[in-house]
Protein backbone atom coordinates (compact mmCIF):
# COMPACT_ATOMS: atom_id res chain seq x y z
CA UNK A 1 0.03 0.40 -0.05
CA UNK A 2 1.27 2.93 -0.66
CA UNK A 3 1.60 6.48 1.79
CA UNK A 4 -1.70 7.82 0.28
CA UNK A 5 -3.61 5.08 0.37
CA UNK A 6 -2.49 4.73 4.29
CA UNK A 7 -3.01 8.03 5.19
CA UNK A 8 -6.36 7.41 3.59
CA UNK A 9 -6.77 4.30 6.04
CA UNK A 10 -6.06 5.57 8.68
CA UNK A 11 -8.24 9.23 8.37
CA UNK A 12 -10.96 7.07 7.77
CA UNK A 13 -10.44 5.65 10.81
CA UNK A 14 -9.42 8.66 12.87
CA UNK A 15 -12.79 10.93 11.54
CA UNK A 16 -14.97 8.53 9.50
CA UNK A 17 -17.13 11.14 8.40
CA UNK A 18 -14.91 13.63 6.95
CA UNK A 19 -12.61 11.00 5.52
CA UNK A 20 -12.26 10.35 1.89
CA UNK A 21 -12.39 6.98 1.60
CA UNK A 22 -15.47 6.00 3.53
CA UNK A 23 -17.31 4.30 1.34
CA UNK A 24 -14.20 2.60 0.10
CA UNK A 25 -13.69 1.22 3.87
CA UNK A 26 -17.06 0.38 3.78
CA UNK A 27 -16.80 -2.08 1.22
CA UNK A 28 -13.67 -3.16 1.66
CA UNK A 29 -14.12 -4.12 5.26
CA UNK A 30 -17.95 -5.62 4.52
CA UNK A 31 -16.37 -8.63 1.96
CA UNK A 32 -13.54 -8.85 4.03
CA UNK A 33 -15.86 -10.32 6.71
CA UNK A 34 -17.03 -12.14 4.56
CA UNK A 35 -14.17 -13.93 3.14
CA UNK A 36 -12.95 -14.83 6.54
CA UNK A 37 -16.10 -15.93 7.99
CA UNK A 38 -16.17 -18.42 5.61
CA UNK A 39 -14.72 -21.70 5.52
CA UNK A 40 -11.75 -22.24 3.23
CA UNK A 41 -10.52 -18.49 4.75
CA UNK A 42 -7.03 -18.94 5.07
CA UNK A 43 -6.41 -16.70 8.07
CA UNK A 44 -2.72 -14.89 6.94
CA UNK A 45 -4.66 -14.07 3.07
CA UNK A 46 -6.92 -11.93 5.96
CA UNK A 47 -5.31 -8.13 5.60
CA UNK A 48 -3.78 -9.28 2.63
CA UNK A 49 -7.84 -9.08 0.63
CA UNK A 50 -8.92 -5.89 3.06
CA UNK A 51 -5.44 -4.05 1.35
CA UNK A 52 -5.78 -5.02 -1.63
CA UNK A 53 -9.65 -4.30 -1.82
CA UNK A 54 -9.35 -1.18 0.30
CA UNK A 55 -6.98 0.04 -2.39
CA UNK A 56 -9.35 -0.82 -5.38
CA UNK A 57 -12.19 0.98 -4.84
CA UNK A 58 -10.12 4.01 -3.55
CA UNK A 59 -8.64 4.34 -6.80
CA UNK A 60 -10.59 2.11 -8.98
CA UNK A 61 -7.19 0.42 -9.71
CA UNK A 62 -5.02 -2.02 -7.27
CA UNK A 63 -1.54 -3.17 -7.76
C-alpha cells in the first residue's frame, strides 16, 4: 500500500465522516468480513485481501 492510501486509511479510522475513502473502507471491510467468515478462509490472506480491496475501491485499480 502506498503512503497516500495508508494515510487515507488512517483518516477513515480516526474521522470516518470526514474521510475521502470512507465508502471504499466500508465496502472492503464488508467483503473481507464475508471472506473471513467462510469455511475456506486462510487467516494469513485476510489482511492482504482487505488491503487490496481497499485500494481497488479507493483508486479503481489494484497493484
